[in-house]
Amino acid sequence: MLGYLTRRLIQSALILLGVSFITFILLYVLPADPVRQIAGRSATAQTVENIRHQLGLDQPLLVQYWRYLTGLVQGDMGRSYLQKTEVATLIAARLPASLLLMAGGIVCELLIGLTFGIVAAVFRGRPLDQGLMVTSFVAVSAPQFVVGLLLLYLFAVQLGWFPIGGYGTFAHLVLPAITLGIMGSGWYSRMMRSSMVEVLRQDYIRTARAKGLTRGRILLRHALPNAILPIIAMIGLDLGIFMGGIVVVESVFGWPGIGQLAWQAIQRVDIPVIMGVTMVSATAIVLGNLLADLVTPLIDPRIKLR
């Protein structure tokens, strides 16, 4: 266990190193000039060069990257070019809202997706099964900003059940969480259906039926614990998907999380903030996958870490 964990931590560190390097290069070759954003359109050439020198952007790429990397190892993500504030402070202020939205989205997609998948597997080949799978396909394909706007129009504008936007109460969380969870629910329902159908064909399920156990007991006690194992790994992968989707959802609903922070930074070419949000997102993805791999053997002791 300790050896496996050590190897995975080393791999995770190398992945994060690669992410930081690739992201830094992409931002370095951007045609947009962050110095111009800071100095303004009326700034003289001398002023622009002075700002570039103060920020160290006149140095070679590898020198800039090494300076950033050494600071990152020490917990320093740099300062925002435009807000003149530590990037770690900006992210720390926005992260709780994003984590709350992510947790709500995961709960929504699990409730919708697992329910659809189990029902579709039980009624396999029937119209209900086909209808649920078509609905899952639509959910996966629907753009999140379209889903968000439709939910806002129906439940906030027309019915008035929820606020149009903002943050602070459970009512503010419902529509963004559902929007974020709808796309993921499609993947979960299809995966859960396939896994449940395979489990329901096993001999121990036939034995349970022969003993006269009820359908509900067979599904919940015997089939579900085995069918849900592939879902655990998907939850870890969802952290990456959600980090991408959060940018859109937070913009639609005015949710003050790191997704909105990243979008504002991209518009202003605020490179330290973009790098900070990227590294936080990459770390969440890596830790999510590692956690999924560690939790799976606890649920099913037959699975060993190697």
C-alpha atoms as a PDB file:
ATOM      1  CA  MET A   1       0.000   0.000   0.000  1.00  0.00           C
ATOM      2  CA  LEU A   2       2.761   2.442   0.978  1.00  0.00           C
ATOM      3  CA  GLY A   3       4.796   1.607  -2.122  1.00  0.00           C
ATOM      4  CA  TYR A   4       1.763   2.062  -4.368  1.00  0.00           C
ATOM      5  CA  LEU A   5       0.926   5.391  -2.745  1.00  0.00           C
ATOM      6  CA  THR A   6       4.518   6.591  -3.128  1.00  0.00           C
ATOM      7  CA  ARG A   7       4.591   5.713  -6.828  1.00  0.00           C
ATOM      8  CA  ARG A   8       1.258   7.419  -7.438  1.00  0.00           C
ATOM      9  CA  LEU A   9       2.379  10.565  -5.642  1.00  0.00           C
ATOM     10  CA  ILE A  10       5.527  10.702  -7.769  1.00  0.00           C
ATOM     11  CA  GLN A  11       3.454  10.224 -10.920  1.00  0.00           C
ATOM     12  CA  SER A  12       1.062  12.930  -9.787  1.00  0.00           C
ATOM     13  CA  ALA A  13       3.925  15.353  -9.208  1.00  0.00           C
ATOM     14  CA  LEU A  14       5.289  14.672 -12.707  1.00  0.00           C
ATOM     15  CA  ILE A  15       1.839  15.208 -14.228  1.00  0.00           C
ATOM     16  CA  LEU A  16       1.452  18.542 -12.447  1.00  0.00           C
ATOM     17  CA  LEU A  17       4.937  19.535 -13.583  1.00  0.00           C
ATOM     18  CA  GLY A  18       3.983  18.758 -17.186  1.00  0.00           C
ATOM     19  CA  VAL A  19       0.719  20.677 -16.894  1.00  0.00           C
ATOM     20  CA  SER A  20       2.502  23.730 -15.516  1.00  0.00           C
ATOM     21  CA  PHE A  21       5.138  23.665 -18.272  1.00  0.00           C
ATOM     22  CA  ILE A  22       2.668  23.220 -21.141  1.00  0.00           C
ATOM     23  CA  THR A  23       0.334  25.898 -19.793  1.00  0.00           C
ATOM     24  CA  PHE A  24       3.223  28.304 -19.294  1.00  0.00           C
ATOM     25  CA  ILE A  25       4.408  27.807 -22.879  1.00  0.00           C
ATOM     26  CA  LEU A  26       0.911  28.322 -24.291  1.00  0.00           C
ATOM     27  CA  LEU A  27       0.502  31.554 -22.347  1.00  0.00           C
ATOM     28  CA  TYR A  28       3.992  32.678 -23.388  1.00  0.00           C
ATOM     29  CA  VAL A  29       3.217  32.369 -27.118  1.00  0.00           C
ATOM     30  CA  LEU A  30      -0.164  34.098 -26.873  1.00  0.00           C
ATOM     31  CA  PRO A  31      -0.468  36.977 -29.351  1.00  0.00           C
ATOM     32  CA  ALA A  32      -2.082  39.116 -26.624  1.00  0.00           C
ATOM     33  CA  ASP A  33       0.338  41.215 -24.589  1.00  0.00           C
ATOM     34  CA  PRO A  34      -0.490  41.390 -20.871  1.00  0.00           C
ATOM     35  CA  VAL A  35       1.752  44.435 -20.461  1.00  0.00           C
ATOM     36  CA  ARG A  36      -0.449  46.405 -22.844  1.00  0.00           C
ATOM     37  CA  GLN A  37      -3.466  45.428 -20.756  1.00  0.00           C
ATOM     38  CA  ILE A  38      -1.762  46.826 -17.672  1.00  0.00           C
ATOM     39  CA  ALA A  39      -0.293  49.981 -19.211  1.00  0.00           C
ATOM     40  CA  GLY A  40      -3.342  50.984 -21.228  1.00  0.00           C
ATOM     41  CA  ARG A  41      -3.645  52.102 -24.816  1.00  0.00           C
ATOM     42  CA  SER A  42      -2.193  55.578 -24.253  1.00  0.00           C
ATOM     43  CA  ALA A  43       1.021  54.342 -22.582  1.00  0.00           C
ATOM     44  CA  THR A  44       4.334  55.218 -24.215  1.00  0.00           C
ATOM     45  CA  ALA A  45       6.786  52.603 -25.442  1.00  0.00           C
ATOM     46  CA  GLN A  46       9.131  53.438 -22.558  1.00  0.00           C
ATOM     47  CA  THR A  47       6.379  52.900 -20.005  1.00  0.00           C
ATOM     48  CA  VAL A  48       5.517  49.546 -21.555  1.00  0.00           C
ATOM     49  CA  GLU A  49       9.133  48.420 -21.441  1.00  0.00           C
ATOM     50  CA  ASN A  50       9.507  49.524 -17.828  1.00  0.00           C
ATOM     51  CA  ILE A  51       6.435  47.495 -16.806  1.00  0.00           C
ATOM     52  CA  ARG A  52       7.704  44.512 -18.791  1.00  0.00           C
ATOM     53  CA  HIS A  53      11.039  44.690 -16.980  1.00  0.00           C
ATOM     54  CA  GLN A  54       9.399  45.051 -13.542  1.00  0.00           C
ATOM     55  CA  LEU A  55       7.311  41.941 -14.152  1.00  0.00           C
ATOM     56  CA  GLY A  56      10.284  40.001 -15.517  1.00  0.00           C
ATOM     57  CA  LEU A  57       8.530  39.378 -18.834  1.00  0.00           C
ATOM     58  CA  ASP A  58      11.597  40.520 -20.791  1.00  0.00           C
ATOM     59  CA  GLN A  59      13.544  37.459 -19.623  1.00  0.00           C
ATOM     60  CA  PRO A  60      13.853  34.183 -21.575  1.00  0.00           C
ATOM     61  CA  LEU A  61      11.059  31.608 -21.312  1.00  0.00           C
ATOM     62  CA  LEU A  62      13.014  29.092 -19.253  1.00  0.00           C
ATOM     63  CA  VAL A  63      14.115  31.765 -16.784  1.00  0.00           C
ATOM     64  CA  GLN A  64      10.518  32.920 -16.314  1.00  0.00           C
ATOM     65  CA  TYR A  65       9.293  29.350 -15.913  1.00  0.00           C
ATOM     66  CA  TRP A  66      11.991  28.464 -13.371  1.00  0.00           C
ATOM     67  CA  ARG A  67      11.170  31.554 -11.355  1.00  0.00           C
ATOM     68  CA  TYR A  68       7.494  30.643 -11.378  1.00  0.00           C
ATOM     69  CA  LEU A  69       8.197  27.000 -10.495  1.00  0.00           C
ATOM     70  CA  THR A  70      10.448  27.832  -7.546  1.00  0.00           C
ATOM     71  CA  GLY A  71       7.809  30.195  -6.205  1.00  0.00           C
ATOM     72  CA  LEU A  72       5.064  27.613  -6.722  1.00  0.00           C
ATOM     73  CA  VAL A  73       6.972  24.991  -4.729  1.00  0.00           C
ATOM     74  CA  GLN A  74       7.140  27.475  -1.862  1.00  0.00           C
ATOM     75  CA  GLY A  75       3.399  28.152  -2.094  1.00  0.00           C
ATOM     76  CA  ASP A  76       3.750  31.434  -3.991  1.00  0.00           C
ATOM     77  CA  MET A  77       1.499  31.593  -7.079  1.00  0.00           C
ATOM     78  CA  GLY A  78       2.493  35.155  -7.873  1.00  0.00           C
ATOM     79  CA  ARG A  79       0.490  38.358  -7.939  1.00  0.00           C
ATOM     80  CA  SER A  80      -2.346  39.309 -10.235  1.00  0.00           C
ATOM     81  CA  TYR A  81      -1.173  41.795 -12.863  1.00  0.00           C
ATOM     82  CA  LEU A  82      -4.377  43.810 -12.714  1.00  0.00           C
ATOM     83  CA  GLN A  83      -5.790  43.299  -9.209  1.00  0.00           C
ATOM     84  CA  LYS A  84      -2.373  43.655  -7.526  1.00  0.00           C
ATOM     85  CA  THR A  85      -3.326  40.850  -5.117  1.00  0.00           C
ATOM     86  CA  GLU A  86      -1.746  37.495  -4.376  1.00  0.00           C
ATOM     87  CA  VAL A  87      -3.196  34.804  -6.652  1.00  0.00           C
ATOM     88  CA  ALA A  88      -3.448  32.381  -3.735  1.00  0.00           C
ATOM     89  CA  THR A  89      -5.593  34.928  -1.885  1.00  0.00           C
ATOM     90  CA  LEU A  90      -7.898  35.405  -4.867  1.00  0.00           C
ATOM     91  CA  ILE A  91      -8.338  31.652  -5.355  1.00  0.00           C
ATOM     92  CA  ALA A  92      -8.825  30.995  -1.637  1.00  0.00           C
ATOM     93  CA  ALA A  93     -11.633  33.558  -1.576  1.00  0.00           C
ATOM     94  CA  ARG A  94     -13.403  31.941  -4.562  1.00  0.00           C
ATOM     95  CA  LEU A  95     -12.676  28.258  -3.921  1.00  0.00           C
ATOM     96  CA  PRO A  96     -15.380  27.561  -1.255  1.00  0.00           C
ATOM     97  CA  ALA A  97     -18.119  28.671  -3.658  1.00  0.00           C
ATOM     98  CA  SER A  98     -16.766  26.445  -6.438  1.00  0.00           C
ATOM     99  CA  LEU A  99     -16.421  23.441  -4.121  1.00  0.00           C
ATOM    100  CA  LEU A 100     -20.003  23.921  -2.958  1.00  0.00           C
ATOM    101  CA  LEU A 101     -21.241  24.068  -6.537  1.00  0.00           C
ATOM    102  CA  MET A 102     -19.147  21.029  -7.473  1.00  0.00           C
ATOM    103  CA  ALA A 103     -20.542  19.006  -4.565  1.00  0.00           C
ATOM    104  CA  GLY A 104     -24.082  19.982  -5.544  1.00  0.00           C
ATOM    105  CA  GLY A 105     -23.425  19.023  -9.163  1.00  0.00           C
ATOM    106  CA  ILE A 106     -22.033  15.613  -8.181  1.00  0.00           C
ATOM    107  CA  VAL A 107     -25.059  14.909  -5.973  1.00  0.00           C
ATOM    108  CA  CYS A 108     -27.440  15.881  -8.795  1.00  0.00           C
ATOM    109  CA  GLU A 109     -25.713  13.801 -11.450  1.00  0.00           C
ATOM    110  CA  LEU A 110     -25.536  10.766  -9.167  1.00  0.00           C
ATOM    111  CA  LEU A 111     -29.203  10.999  -8.217  1.00  0.00           C
ATOM    112  CA  ILE A 112     -30.339  11.431 -11.812  1.00  0.00           C
ATOM    113  CA  GLY A 113     -27.806   9.181 -13.529  1.00  0.00           C
ATOM    114  CA  LEU A 114     -27.854   6.210 -11.159  1.00  0.00           C
ATOM    115  CA  THR A 115     -31.643   6.230 -10.977  1.00  0.00           C
ATOM    116  CA  PHE A 116     -31.977   6.298 -14.761  1.00  0.00           C
ATOM    117  CA  GLY A 117     -29.330   3.590 -15.174  1.00  0.00           C
ATOM    118  CA  ILE A 118     -30.859   1.195 -12.635  1.00  0.00           C
ATOM    119  CA  VAL A 119     -34.389   1.629 -13.982  1.00  0.00           C
ATOM    120  CA  ALA A 120     -33.188   1.186 -17.572  1.00  0.00           C
ATOM    121  CA  ALA A 121     -31.327  -2.017 -16.654  1.00  0.00           C
ATOM    122  CA  VAL A 122     -34.333  -3.474 -14.844  1.00  0.00           C
ATOM    123  CA  PHE A 123     -36.600  -2.735 -17.826  1.00  0.00           C
ATOM    124  CA  ARG A 124     -33.965  -3.586 -20.440  1.00  0.00           C
ATOM    125  CA  GLY A 125     -35.264  -3.664 -24.017  1.00  0.00           C
ATOM    126  CA  ARG A 126     -38.578  -2.042 -23.149  1.00  0.00           C
ATOM    127  CA  PRO A 127     -39.832   1.411 -24.185  1.00  0.00           C
ATOM    128  CA  LEU A 128     -38.903   2.859 -20.783  1.00  0.00           C
ATOM    129  CA  ASP A 129     -35.317   1.716 -21.238  1.00  0.00           C
ATOM    130  CA  GLN A 130     -35.126   3.260 -24.713  1.00  0.00           C
ATOM    131  CA  GLY A 131     -36.701   6.492 -23.535  1.00  0.00           C
ATOM    132  CA  LEU A 132     -34.277   6.881 -20.639  1.00  0.00           C
ATOM    133  CA  MET A 133     -31.265   6.212 -22.855  1.00  0.00           C
ATOM    134  CA  VAL A 134     -32.436   8.766 -25.414  1.00  0.00           C
ATOM    135  CA  THR A 135     -32.876  11.261 -22.588  1.00  0.00           C
ATOM    136  CA  SER A 136     -29.344  10.461 -21.378  1.00  0.00           C
ATOM    137  CA  PHE A 137     -27.948  11.058 -24.867  1.00  0.00           C
ATOM    138  CA  VAL A 138     -29.696  14.430 -25.048  1.00  0.00           C
ATOM    139  CA  ALA A 139     -28.383  15.346 -21.591  1.00  0.00           C
ATOM    140  CA  VAL A 140     -24.808  14.547 -22.609  1.00  0.00           C
ATOM    141  CA  SER A 141     -25.089  16.497 -25.860  1.00  0.00           C
ATOM    142  CA  ALA A 142     -26.852  19.616 -24.560  1.00  0.00           C
ATOM    143  CA  PRO A 143     -24.569  22.667 -24.111  1.00  0.00           C
ATOM    144  CA  GLN A 144     -24.451  23.729 -20.491  1.00  0.00           C
ATOM    145  CA  PHE A 145     -25.088  27.394 -21.187  1.00  0.00           C
ATOM    146  CA  VAL A 146     -28.261  26.468 -23.099  1.00  0.00           C
ATOM    147  CA  VAL A 147     -29.468  24.221 -20.263  1.00  0.00           C
ATOM    148  CA  GLY A 148     -28.658  26.927 -17.724  1.00  0.00           C
ATOM    149  CA  LEU A 149     -30.532  29.624 -19.633  1.00  0.00           C
ATOM    150  CA  LEU A 150     -33.556  27.358 -20.125  1.00  0.00           C
ATOM    151  CA  LEU A 151     -33.685  26.504 -16.422  1.00  0.00           C
ATOM    152  CA  LEU A 152     -33.341  30.175 -15.538  1.00  0.00           C
ATOM    153  CA  TYR A 153     -36.149  31.183 -17.886  1.00  0.00           C
ATOM    154  CA  LEU A 154     -38.530  28.448 -16.743  1.00  0.00           C
ATOM    155  CA  PHE A 155     -37.941  28.197 -12.994  1.00  0.00           C
ATOM    156  CA  ALA A 156     -36.630  31.681 -12.169  1.00  0.00           C
ATOM    157  CA  VAL A 157     -38.321  34.047 -14.621  1.00  0.00           C
ATOM    158  CA  GLN A 158     -41.611  32.310 -15.405  1.00  0.00           C
ATOM    159  CA  LEU A 159     -42.334  30.388 -12.192  1.00  0.00           C
ATOM    160  CA  GLY A 160     -40.265  32.468  -9.790  1.00  0.00           C
ATOM    161  CA  TRP A 161     -39.270  29.457  -7.702  1.00  0.00           C
ATOM    162  CA  PHE A 162     -35.568  30.301  -7.598  1.00  0.00           C
ATOM    163  CA  PRO A 163     -33.476  33.489  -7.792  1.00  0.00           C
ATOM    164  CA  ILE A 164     -32.106  34.470 -11.188  1.00  0.00           C
ATOM    165  CA  GLY A 165     -28.526  34.524  -9.958  1.00  0.00           C
ATOM    166  CA  GLY A 166     -26.256  35.138  -7.017  1.00  0.00           C
ATOM    167  CA  TYR A 167     -24.847  33.168  -4.120  1.00  0.00           C
ATOM    168  CA  GLY A 168     -25.525  32.603  -0.456  1.00  0.00           C
ATOM    169  CA  THR A 169     -28.566  30.362   0.051  1.00  0.00           C
ATOM    170  CA  PHE A 170     -29.668  26.859  -0.887  1.00  0.00           C
ATOM    171  CA  ALA A 171     -32.121  28.339  -3.400  1.00  0.00           C
ATOM    172  CA  HIS A 172     -29.206  29.956  -5.250  1.00  0.00           C
ATOM    173  CA  LEU A 173     -27.459  26.573  -5.476  1.00  0.00           C
ATOM    174  CA  VAL A 174     -30.276  24.462  -6.934  1.00  0.00           C
ATOM    175  CA  LEU A 175     -30.339  25.613 -10.574  1.00  0.00           C
ATOM    176  CA  PRO A 176     -26.536  25.824 -11.064  1.00  0.00           C
ATOM    177  CA  ALA A 177     -26.094  22.379  -9.481  1.00  0.00           C
ATOM    178  CA  ILE A 178     -28.773  20.835 -11.683  1.00  0.00           C
ATOM    179  CA  THR A 179     -27.245  22.471 -14.766  1.00  0.00           C
ATOM    180  CA  LEU A 180     -23.823  21.134 -13.872  1.00  0.00           C
ATOM    181  CA  GLY A 181     -25.191  17.685 -13.045  1.00  0.00           C
ATOM    182  CA  ILE A 182     -27.375  17.149 -16.115  1.00  0.00           C
ATOM    183  CA  MET A 183     -24.492  16.526 -18.502  1.00  0.00           C
ATOM    184  CA  GLY A 184     -22.741  14.139 -16.121  1.00  0.00           C
ATOM    185  CA  SER A 185     -25.979  12.274 -15.405  1.00  0.00           C
ATOM    186  CA  GLY A 186     -26.084  11.107 -19.018  1.00  0.00           C
ATOM    187  CA  TRP A 187     -22.699   9.405 -18.714  1.00  0.00           C
ATOM    188  CA  TYR A 188     -23.592   7.889 -15.353  1.00  0.00           C
ATOM    189  CA  SER A 189     -26.912   6.506 -16.556  1.00  0.00           C
ATOM    190  CA  ARG A 190     -25.357   4.772 -19.566  1.00  0.00           C
ATOM    191  CA  MET A 191     -22.450   3.402 -17.545  1.00  0.00           C
ATOM    192  CA  MET A 192     -24.741   2.286 -14.715  1.00  0.00           C
ATOM    193  CA  ARG A 193     -27.097   0.554 -17.127  1.00  0.00           C
ATOM    194  CA  SER A 194     -24.273  -1.398 -18.788  1.00  0.00           C
ATOM    195  CA  SER A 195     -22.746  -2.372 -15.460  1.00  0.00           C
ATOM    196  CA  MET A 196     -26.094  -3.328 -13.919  1.00  0.00           C
ATOM    197  CA  VAL A 197     -27.121  -5.417 -16.936  1.00  0.00           C
ATOM    198  CA  GLU A 198     -23.845  -7.352 -16.691  1.00  0.00           C
ATOM    199  CA  VAL A 199     -24.267  -7.928 -12.954  1.00  0.00           C
ATOM    200  CA  LEU A 200     -27.877  -9.055 -13.288  1.00  0.00           C
ATOM    201  CA  ARG A 201     -26.685 -11.876 -15.558  1.00  0.00           C
ATOM    202  CA  GLN A 202     -24.377 -13.352 -12.929  1.00  0.00           C
ATOM    203  CA  ASP A 203     -25.042 -16.710 -11.270  1.00  0.00           C
ATOM    204  CA  TYR A 204     -25.333 -15.302  -7.750  1.00  0.00           C
ATOM    205  CA  ILE A 205     -28.212 -13.088  -8.916  1.00  0.00           C
ATOM    206  CA  ARG A 206     -30.010 -16.145 -10.290  1.00  0.00           C
ATOM    207  CA  THR A 207     -29.381 -17.894  -6.979  1.00  0.00           C
ATOM    208  CA  ALA A 208     -30.842 -14.962  -5.065  1.00  0.00           C
ATOM    209  CA  ARG A 209     -33.932 -15.059  -7.253  1.00  0.00           C
ATOM    210  CA  ALA A 210     -34.258 -18.801  -6.743  1.00  0.00           C
ATOM    211  CA  LYS A 211     -34.225 -18.258  -2.972  1.00  0.00           C
ATOM    212  CA  GLY A 212     -37.263 -16.041  -3.339  1.00  0.00           C
ATOM    213  CA  LEU A 213     -35.640 -12.700  -2.476  1.00  0.00           C
ATOM    214  CA  THR A 214     -37.570  -9.631  -3.545  1.00  0.00           C
ATOM    215  CA  ARG A 215     -36.453  -7.589  -6.547  1.00  0.00           C
ATOM    216  CA  GLY A 216     -35.638  -4.594  -4.359  1.00  0.00           C
ATOM    217  CA  ARG A 217     -33.432  -6.645  -2.025  1.00  0.00           C
ATOM    218  CA  ILE A 218     -31.622  -8.247  -4.953  1.00  0.00           C
ATOM    219  CA  LEU A 219     -30.964  -4.879  -6.568  1.00  0.00           C
ATOM    220  CA  LEU A 220     -29.887  -2.983  -3.462  1.00  0.00           C
ATOM    221  CA  ARG A 221     -28.103  -5.742  -1.527  1.00  0.00           C
ATOM    222  CA  HIS A 222     -26.477  -7.851  -4.230  1.00  0.00           C
ATOM    223  CA  ALA A 223     -26.451  -6.088  -7.609  1.00  0.00           C
ATOM    224  CA  LEU A 224     -25.848  -2.419  -6.783  1.00  0.00           C
ATOM    225  CA  PRO A 225     -22.636  -2.798  -4.686  1.00  0.00           C
ATOM    226  CA  ASN A 226     -20.975  -4.663  -7.570  1.00  0.00           C
ATOM    227  CA  ALA A 227     -22.421  -2.581 -10.404  1.00  0.00           C
ATOM    228  CA  ILE A 228     -21.405   0.715  -8.831  1.00  0.00           C
ATOM    229  CA  LEU A 229     -17.641   0.022  -8.815  1.00  0.00           C
ATOM    230  CA  PRO A 230     -16.977   1.614 -12.272  1.00  0.00           C
ATOM    231  CA  ILE A 231     -18.870   4.699 -11.106  1.00  0.00           C
ATOM    232  CA  ILE A 232     -16.306   5.401  -8.385  1.00  0.00           C
ATOM    233  CA  ALA A 233     -13.535   6.013 -10.914  1.00  0.00           C
ATOM    234  CA  MET A 234     -15.869   8.248 -12.916  1.00  0.00           C
ATOM    235  CA  ILE A 235     -16.410  10.494  -9.904  1.00  0.00           C
ATOM    236  CA  GLY A 236     -12.675  11.166  -9.782  1.00  0.00           C
ATOM    237  CA  LEU A 237     -12.647  12.010 -13.494  1.00  0.00           C
ATOM    238  CA  ASP A 238     -15.642  14.277 -12.975  1.00  0.00           C
ATOM    239  CA  LEU A 239     -13.494  16.741 -11.099  1.00  0.00           C
ATOM    240  CA  GLY A 240     -11.784  17.609 -14.365  1.00  0.00           C
ATOM    241  CA  ILE A 241     -15.020  17.793 -16.316  1.00  0.00           C
ATOM    242  CA  PHE A 242     -16.601  19.965 -13.658  1.00  0.00           C
ATOM    243  CA  MET A 243     -13.670  22.352 -13.592  1.00  0.00           C
ATOM    244  CA  GLY A 244     -14.294  22.991 -17.289  1.00  0.00           C
ATOM    245  CA  GLY A 245     -18.053  23.219 -16.920  1.00  0.00           C
ATOM    246  CA  ILE A 246     -17.893  25.439 -13.863  1.00  0.00           C
ATOM    247  CA  VAL A 247     -16.533  28.307 -15.981  1.00  0.00           C
ATOM    248  CA  VAL A 248     -19.694  28.306 -18.100  1.00  0.00           C
ATOM    249  CA  VAL A 249     -22.183  27.650 -15.294  1.00  0.00           C
ATOM    250  CA  GLU A 250     -20.709  30.262 -12.983  1.00  0.00           C
ATOM    251  CA  SER A 251     -20.842  32.842 -15.758  1.00  0.00           C
ATOM    252  CA  VAL A 252     -24.498  32.090 -16.533  1.00  0.00           C
ATOM    253  CA  PHE A 253     -25.661  32.196 -12.915  1.00  0.00           C
ATOM    254  CA  GLY A 254     -23.270  34.849 -11.605  1.00  0.00           C
ATOM    255  CA  TRP A 255     -21.735  32.353  -9.193  1.00  0.00           C
ATOM    256  CA  PRO A 256     -18.600  33.837  -7.558  1.00  0.00           C
ATOM    257  CA  GLY A 257     -16.247  30.862  -7.926  1.00  0.00           C
ATOM    258  CA  ILE A 258     -12.876  30.197  -9.511  1.00  0.00           C
ATOM    259  CA  GLY A 259     -14.535  29.536 -12.869  1.00  0.00           C
ATOM    260  CA  GLN A 260     -15.721  33.123 -13.040  1.00  0.00           C
ATOM    261  CA  LEU A 261     -12.299  34.242 -11.806  1.00  0.00           C
ATOM    262  CA  ALA A 262     -10.620  32.264 -14.610  1.00  0.00           C
ATOM    263  CA  TRP A 263     -12.945  33.726 -17.243  1.00  0.00           C
ATOM    264  CA  GLN A 264     -12.207  37.276 -16.097  1.00  0.00           C
ATOM    265  CA  ALA A 265      -8.471  36.531 -16.087  1.00  0.00           C
ATOM    266  CA  ILE A 266      -8.594  35.129 -19.631  1.00  0.00           C
ATOM    267  CA  GLN A 267     -10.394  38.230 -20.882  1.00  0.00           C
ATOM    268  CA  ARG A 268      -7.727  40.454 -19.303  1.00  0.00           C
ATOM    269  CA  VAL A 269      -4.723  38.182 -20.079  1.00  0.00           C
ATOM    270  CA  ASP A 270      -3.918  38.024 -16.354  1.00  0.00           C
ATOM    271  CA  ILE A 271      -1.353  35.229 -16.671  1.00  0.00           C
ATOM    272  CA  PRO A 272      -0.628  34.567 -12.950  1.00  0.00           C
ATOM    273  CA  VAL A 273      -4.338  34.075 -12.242  1.00  0.00           C
ATOM    274  CA  ILE A 274      -4.758  31.784 -15.269  1.00  0.00           C
ATOM    275  CA  MET A 275      -1.776  29.718 -14.159  1.00  0.00           C
ATOM    276  CA  GLY A 276      -3.057  29.569 -10.583  1.00  0.00           C
ATOM    277  CA  VAL A 277      -6.540  28.384 -11.539  1.00  0.00           C
ATOM    278  CA  THR A 278      -5.058  25.847 -13.977  1.00  0.00           C
ATOM    279  CA  MET A 279      -2.774  24.366 -11.330  1.00  0.00           C
ATOM    280  CA  VAL A 280      -5.573  24.195  -8.750  1.00  0.00           C
ATOM    281  CA  SER A 281      -7.811  22.446 -11.299  1.00  0.00           C
ATOM    282  CA  ALA A 282      -5.069  20.004 -12.302  1.00  0.00           C
ATOM    283  CA  THR A 283      -4.359  19.219  -8.655  1.00  0.00           C
ATOM    284  CA  ALA A 284      -8.050  18.528  -8.050  1.00  0.00           C
ATOM    285  CA  ILE A 285      -8.148  16.130 -11.027  1.00  0.00           C
ATOM    286  CA  VAL A 286      -5.026  14.245  -9.915  1.00  0.00           C
ATOM    287  CA  LEU A 287      -6.186  13.961  -6.310  1.00  0.00           C
ATOM    288  CA  GLY A 288      -9.662  12.891  -7.423  1.00  0.00           C
ATOM    289  CA  ASN A 289      -8.266  10.028  -9.487  1.00  0.00           C
ATOM    290  CA  LEU A 290      -5.913   8.989  -6.708  1.00  0.00           C
ATOM    291  CA  LEU A 291      -8.731   9.026  -4.161  1.00  0.00           C
ATOM    292  CA  ALA A 292     -10.928   6.937  -6.460  1.00  0.00           C
ATOM    293  CA  ASP A 293      -8.173   4.325  -6.819  1.00  0.00           C
ATOM    294  CA  LEU A 294      -7.660   4.165  -3.065  1.00  0.00           C
ATOM    295  CA  VAL A 295     -11.359   3.952  -2.156  1.00  0.00           C
ATOM    296  CA  THR A 296     -12.261   1.191  -4.641  1.00  0.00           C
ATOM    297  CA  PRO A 297     -10.449  -1.642  -2.759  1.00  0.00           C
ATOM    298  CA  LEU A 298     -12.168  -0.574   0.463  1.00  0.00           C
ATOM    299  CA  ILE A 299     -15.548  -1.132  -1.175  1.00  0.00           C
ATOM    300  CA  ASP A 300     -14.577  -4.392  -2.872  1.00  0.00           C
ATOM    301  CA  PRO A 301     -11.704  -6.261  -1.081  1.00  0.00           C
ATOM    302  CA  ARG A 302     -11.276  -8.478  -4.149  1.00  0.00           C
ATOM    303  CA  ILE A 303      -9.609  -5.541  -5.924  1.00  0.00           C
ATOM    304  CA  LYS A 304      -5.962  -5.162  -4.967  1.00  0.00           C
ATOM    305  CA  LEU A 305      -3.660  -2.195  -5.492  1.00  0.00           C
ATOM    306  CA  ARG A 306      -0.661  -3.043  -7.640  1.00  0.00           C
END
